[in-house]
Amino acid sequence: MPDAEIDLWTYERLAWAEGAAHVAGVDEAGRGPLAGPVVAAAVILPAEGFDASGITDSKKLTPAMRDRLFERLCADTAVKTSVGIVDAEEIDRLNILRATHHAMRLALKSLAIAPDIVLVDGLPVPNLHPRCQALVKGDSLSISIAAASIIAKVTRDRLMTGEYHTQYPQYDFARHKGYGTPDHLAALAEHGPCALHRRTFAPVSQQALRFDAD
């Protein structure tokens, strides 16, 4: 449920008061899974006339709630959203932290409006934006970051449960979305890794070695 005790607009109002017309929130989804991309989203909300009811950290919402809020955000022409997607091969090449930062930069670059300031969830991100404020647990502190967390999470979930599940049904990505659940680990042990798996992640690399040796 939404946070009643925290004003999620505080950081946005401070930025507007300092002269920033466009404030972007940035967050990611998919750092921990064994398979699939890491997805970052950037969101610029209007300063007025926007219905923010229900928007909070995506982890506090049910899938149905996230879907409804995702559709509301994307349907509102005053809201600017974009995503950056980095696939498993690039994650293996860069490492997951750098890949996540790259996805965030891609998301910001794709925004229709250049932000004056960026609020990003977590620790500082190198070379993200000249004016950037990192907020630990920012998806529970900033409405823009919370909105970005919803866009990133739903975008990634739909990829995993739709296109990727259809492409590789033997792994049942629709059930676990690439996370290291017992079912996923069992499928990985039976079939070995596919192109969506992150081979630098230990459970995947162990199975890759076993299948490559066969």
Protein backbone atom coordinates (compact mmCIF):
# COMPACT_ATOMS: atom_id res chain seq x y z
CA MET A 1 0.00 0.00 0.00
CA PRO A 2 1.12 3.62 -0.51
CA ASP A 3 3.29 5.25 2.16
CA ALA A 4 1.01 7.43 4.32
CA GLU A 5 3.78 8.84 6.52
CA ILE A 6 6.11 10.03 3.75
CA ASP A 7 5.50 12.88 1.32
CA LEU A 8 6.75 11.29 -1.88
CA TRP A 9 6.80 14.68 -3.63
CA THR A 10 9.38 16.24 -1.25
CA TYR A 11 12.44 15.83 -3.49
CA GLU A 12 10.54 16.88 -6.60
CA ARG A 13 9.27 20.06 -4.90
CA LEU A 14 12.77 20.91 -3.71
CA ALA A 15 14.10 20.51 -7.25
CA TRP A 16 11.31 22.65 -8.72
CA ALA A 17 11.96 25.32 -6.07
CA GLU A 18 15.60 25.38 -7.18
CA GLY A 19 14.53 26.08 -10.76
CA ALA A 20 14.45 22.58 -12.28
CA ALA A 21 11.49 22.39 -14.65
CA HIS A 22 11.85 18.69 -15.44
CA VAL A 23 12.74 16.20 -12.72
CA ALA A 24 13.42 12.60 -13.76
CA GLY A 25 13.27 9.62 -11.48
CA VAL A 26 15.36 6.58 -12.40
CA ASP A 27 15.17 3.02 -11.10
CA GLU A 28 15.90 -0.51 -12.30
CA ALA A 29 14.52 -4.03 -12.17
CA GLY A 30 16.29 -7.33 -12.66
CA ARG A 31 19.69 -7.09 -11.03
CA GLY A 32 19.34 -10.39 -9.17
CA PRO A 33 17.88 -12.92 -11.64
CA LEU A 34 19.92 -15.64 -13.31
CA ALA A 35 18.32 -14.97 -16.70
CA GLY A 36 16.92 -12.13 -18.71
CA PRO A 37 17.85 -8.47 -19.05
CA VAL A 38 18.27 -5.73 -16.52
CA VAL A 39 15.77 -2.96 -17.24
CA ALA A 40 15.98 0.65 -16.12
CA ALA A 41 13.28 3.26 -16.45
CA ALA A 42 13.25 7.04 -16.36
CA VAL A 43 10.08 8.99 -15.58
CA ILE A 44 9.30 12.72 -15.60
CA LEU A 45 6.03 13.59 -13.87
CA PRO A 46 4.17 16.87 -14.39
CA ALA A 47 4.28 19.42 -11.59
CA GLU A 48 0.49 19.58 -11.38
CA GLY A 49 -2.65 17.87 -12.63
CA PHE A 50 -1.35 14.34 -12.22
CA ASP A 51 -3.15 11.61 -10.28
CA ALA A 52 -0.39 9.97 -8.24
CA SER A 53 -2.70 7.90 -6.06
CA GLY A 54 -1.39 4.39 -5.47
CA ILE A 55 2.12 5.05 -6.76
CA THR A 56 4.81 3.73 -4.46
CA ASP A 57 7.78 1.34 -4.52
CA SER A 58 6.86 -1.41 -6.99
CA LYS A 59 7.94 -4.09 -4.50
CA LYS A 60 5.08 -3.03 -2.22
CA LEU A 61 2.47 -3.54 -4.95
CA THR A 62 0.75 -6.63 -6.28
CA PRO A 63 1.24 -7.50 -9.96
CA ALA A 64 -2.31 -6.34 -10.72
CA MET A 65 -1.70 -3.00 -9.00
CA ARG A 66 1.57 -2.53 -10.88
CA ASP A 67 -0.13 -3.27 -14.18
CA ARG A 68 -2.87 -0.71 -13.55
CA LEU A 69 -0.39 1.98 -12.54
CA PHE A 70 1.85 1.14 -15.50
CA GLU A 71 -1.06 1.64 -17.89
CA ARG A 72 -2.03 4.91 -16.19
CA LEU A 73 1.51 6.27 -16.40
CA CYS A 74 1.92 5.29 -20.04
CA ALA A 75 -1.50 6.64 -21.07
CA ASP A 76 -0.94 10.12 -19.58
CA THR A 77 0.63 12.32 -22.27
CA ALA A 78 1.92 14.70 -19.58
CA VAL A 79 4.07 11.89 -18.16
CA LYS A 80 7.31 11.14 -19.98
CA THR A 81 8.65 7.60 -19.65
CA SER A 82 11.46 5.64 -21.24
CA VAL A 83 13.34 2.42 -20.64
CA GLY A 84 16.85 1.10 -21.14
CA ILE A 85 17.33 -2.64 -21.59
CA VAL A 86 20.65 -4.47 -21.30
CA ASP A 87 20.65 -8.15 -22.21
CA ALA A 88 22.38 -11.10 -20.57
CA GLU A 89 25.33 -11.10 -22.95
CA GLU A 90 26.07 -7.47 -22.15
CA ILE A 91 25.61 -8.13 -18.44
CA ASP A 92 28.25 -10.86 -18.67
CA ARG A 93 30.59 -8.56 -20.57
CA LEU A 94 30.24 -5.53 -18.27
CA ASN A 95 29.22 -7.12 -14.93
CA ILE A 96 25.79 -6.53 -13.43
CA LEU A 97 26.57 -3.23 -11.71
CA ARG A 98 28.00 -1.59 -14.81
CA ALA A 99 25.22 -3.08 -16.94
CA THR A 100 22.64 -1.58 -14.59
CA HIS A 101 24.29 1.83 -14.84
CA HIS A 102 24.38 1.49 -18.63
CA ALA A 103 20.65 0.68 -18.68
CA MET A 104 19.98 3.81 -16.62
CA ARG A 105 21.96 5.97 -19.03
CA LEU A 106 20.07 4.45 -21.98
CA ALA A 107 16.75 5.18 -20.30
CA LEU A 108 17.65 8.82 -19.69
CA LYS A 109 18.96 9.23 -23.22
CA SER A 110 15.64 7.97 -24.59
CA LEU A 111 13.46 10.47 -22.71
CA ALA A 112 11.50 12.81 -24.96
CA ILE A 113 12.45 15.72 -22.70
CA ALA A 114 15.92 16.27 -21.29
CA PRO A 115 15.68 16.43 -17.49
CA ASP A 116 17.13 19.31 -15.51
CA ILE A 117 17.86 17.07 -12.54
CA VAL A 118 17.83 13.31 -11.96
CA LEU A 119 16.80 11.46 -8.82
CA VAL A 120 18.18 7.92 -8.86
CA ASP A 121 17.48 5.02 -6.56
CA GLY A 122 20.43 3.67 -4.61
CA LEU A 123 24.04 4.82 -4.65
CA PRO A 124 25.55 7.42 -7.00
CA VAL A 125 25.83 6.38 -10.65
CA PRO A 126 28.90 7.61 -12.56
CA ASN A 127 28.24 9.89 -15.54
CA LEU A 128 24.47 9.65 -15.25
CA HIS A 129 23.63 13.37 -15.35
CA PRO A 130 25.34 16.65 -14.44
CA ARG A 131 22.74 17.24 -11.71
CA CYS A 132 22.03 13.95 -10.04
CA GLN A 133 20.87 13.07 -6.54
CA ALA A 134 21.17 9.47 -5.36
CA LEU A 135 18.62 8.35 -2.77
CA VAL A 136 19.04 5.09 -0.90
CA LYS A 137 15.62 3.41 -0.88
CA GLY A 138 14.58 6.21 -3.21
CA ASP A 139 11.61 4.23 -4.52
CA SER A 140 10.05 4.76 -1.07
CA LEU A 141 11.07 8.43 -0.88
CA SER A 142 10.46 9.94 -4.33
CA ILE A 143 7.30 9.73 -6.44
CA SER A 144 9.35 9.94 -9.65
CA ILE A 145 11.62 7.08 -8.63
CA ALA A 146 8.61 5.06 -7.47
CA ALA A 147 6.97 5.57 -10.87
CA ALA A 148 10.20 4.52 -12.58
CA SER A 149 10.33 1.38 -10.43
CA ILE A 150 6.86 0.44 -11.69
CA ILE A 151 7.73 1.05 -15.34
CA ALA A 152 10.97 -0.94 -15.05
CA LYS A 153 9.40 -3.85 -13.18
CA VAL A 154 6.37 -4.25 -15.43
CA THR A 155 8.44 -3.87 -18.60
CA ARG A 156 10.81 -6.61 -17.49
CA ASP A 157 8.07 -8.91 -16.20
CA ARG A 158 6.18 -8.67 -19.48
CA LEU A 159 9.30 -9.55 -21.43
CA MET A 160 9.95 -12.60 -19.25
CA THR A 161 6.36 -13.85 -19.13
CA GLY A 162 5.65 -13.13 -22.78
CA GLU A 163 8.31 -13.22 -25.51
CA TYR A 164 10.99 -15.01 -23.53
CA HIS A 165 8.68 -17.62 -22.02
CA THR A 166 7.36 -18.42 -25.51
CA GLN A 167 10.88 -18.63 -26.89
CA TYR A 168 12.18 -20.90 -24.12
CA PRO A 169 9.17 -22.65 -22.55
CA GLN A 170 11.30 -25.37 -20.95
CA TYR A 171 12.49 -22.91 -18.27
CA ASP A 172 9.00 -21.64 -17.33
CA PHE A 173 10.11 -18.01 -17.21
CA ALA A 174 6.46 -16.98 -16.81
CA ARG A 175 6.52 -18.49 -13.33
CA HIS A 176 9.80 -17.16 -11.89
CA LYS A 177 10.86 -14.42 -14.34
CA GLY A 178 14.45 -15.64 -14.33
CA TYR A 179 15.04 -15.60 -10.58
CA GLY A 180 16.86 -18.50 -8.96
CA THR A 181 13.85 -20.40 -7.65
CA PRO A 182 14.03 -24.18 -7.08
CA ASP A 183 11.96 -24.75 -10.24
CA HIS A 184 14.30 -22.60 -12.29
CA LEU A 185 17.40 -24.29 -10.89
CA ALA A 186 15.90 -27.69 -11.67
CA ALA A 187 15.18 -26.65 -15.27
CA LEU A 188 18.68 -25.23 -15.57
CA ALA A 189 20.15 -28.53 -14.35
CA GLU A 190 18.03 -30.46 -16.85
CA HIS A 191 18.42 -28.29 -19.95
CA GLY A 192 21.54 -26.25 -19.31
CA PRO A 193 21.66 -22.49 -19.91
CA CYS A 194 20.04 -20.74 -22.88
CA ALA A 195 20.93 -17.43 -24.52
CA LEU A 196 19.01 -15.54 -21.84
CA HIS A 197 21.07 -16.88 -18.96
CA ARG A 198 23.79 -14.83 -17.32
CA ARG A 199 26.81 -17.10 -17.55
CA THR A 200 28.88 -15.10 -15.06
CA PHE A 201 26.33 -15.85 -12.33
CA ALA A 202 27.51 -18.85 -10.30
CA PRO A 203 24.49 -21.19 -10.62
CA VAL A 204 24.51 -20.68 -14.39
CA SER A 205 28.28 -20.97 -14.83
CA GLN A 206 28.29 -24.25 -12.89
CA GLN A 207 25.69 -25.77 -15.20
CA ALA A 208 27.36 -24.32 -18.28
CA LEU A 209 30.61 -26.06 -17.34
CA ARG A 210 28.78 -29.33 -16.83
CA PHE A 211 26.95 -29.16 -20.17
CA ASP A 212 29.99 -27.92 -22.06
CA ALA A 213 31.90 -30.91 -20.71
CA ASP A 214 29.30 -33.42 -21.92
